[in-house]
Structures are given as structure tokens and as C-alpha cells.
Amino acid sequence: MVNVVVLDYGSGNLRSAERALARVGAEVTVTADLDAALECDGLVVPGVGAFAACMAGLTGVQGDRAIARRLSAGRPVLGICVGMQILFEEGVEHGVHTKGCGEWPGAVERLEAPVLPHMGWNTVSAPEGSVLFAGLPADTRFYFVHSYAVRRWELQAGPGFPEPLVTWAEHGERFVAAAENGPLMATQFHPEKSGDAGATLLENWVRTLK
């Protein structure tokens, strides 16, 4: 059984994530402890609410440091919802720019859509070779709750670096619904609230930890 830490930094559906990961066979600890976050097999960074508030909470428990140190050592991290958004360079809310973790280039911006927040079930377009979406039909729906997203993917492949696998969805416009980039993976939707489809995705991720 693999050990997964759900990072508790004051933002996120911690217990929902804990139950969903336990359902697919992980041994789960919910904690803000830096050593536990560094030593576990897989780190999950959830997040709900405003980008700036999430970043303040994350840096308050040295979560940004834990993410950076794990990735520098090639150790898996999974971001969920705002936990995905804070992985980018910045978030822009009401004209205020907040620095993110900077693991991926790009900005999180308000979607241009007739109805916000984007709340409910939506399909996604996953690339061939995706690990997260393996075994899931193309018309599978996942549960979204957000008004902000990454509208342009800016990280490109380079020498020695494979092409990141980017999954897209649409609500008013196209946005990044998930990304797989070596040990760093993330979803804009909530797999822990997406029923059997979300469980399959989390199980696929947990398998990468073994």
C-alpha cells in the first residue's frame, strides 16, 4: 500500500479527498507537516476558493517548498482545482496579480463565459497516452466548480523533456482541464466528487506511485 499525504493548508475538500484516495487503496494522511509531505509516496494538493488566499495558506505551511523539493527529486505531486491553479506562475483576480508556485508558466484568469461559476458535469478531451484518463471513455464527465482557469498552455517540450500531456475542456471557451508533466499532474475538476470516473482517475494516479 502506498502512502499519500493530502496537504492541509487551510483550503480544500480534505476529507472528500482522503476518502476518495482511501477508496482506491492508498494509505492517506491529512497533515500540514513538511516532513510528512516530503517523505510520502505521493503528495496531493487540493484547493478551493481564491487563488491569493490559497497561496497565502500554502506558503504559511511551506507547501510551496514541499512541492518544489519533491519535483526536483522526481517525486509525484497531484494538484486538484485551485491546487492545480497555484502550480502556475500567477493568478489574476479582479485585476490583482498573485504569484504562484511557478512550476508551470502561464496565468490563471477569469473565464469568458455566459454563466459563471462553471459548476457541474462536463466532458474533457484527453490526449493519447494519458495516464490519468487511461481506461475512461471519451464521453466521461467530471465535476467542475470554478470561475478561473488556465486558457493557454505555454510549457513546451525541449531537449530531454517529453511533451506534457494536456487535457482540455470547454465552458464559454477552451481551458486546461488537466495536465501530466512527469511527476507533476493536476486536474481543474474534482476527481473526489466525480463518482466512479474520478475514482478511476485517482486509482490510475495511485498506480504510478507503486
Foldseek 3Di string as FASTA:
>chain_A
DFEEEEAPLPFFPRVLVQVLLVVLPYHYDYYLALVCLQPGLEYEYEGDDDLQVSQVSCVVSPVLVSVVVCVVVLGAYEYEASRVQLCEQWEADPNDTDGGSHVFYAYKYFDDAPDPDPFAKFFKAWDPPDLLQPPPDRRQIFTAHGGIATQDHDDAADVVFDGKTFMWTDHRHIGTQKIGGRRYIYGNTDLSPRPPSSSSSSSSVVVVSD
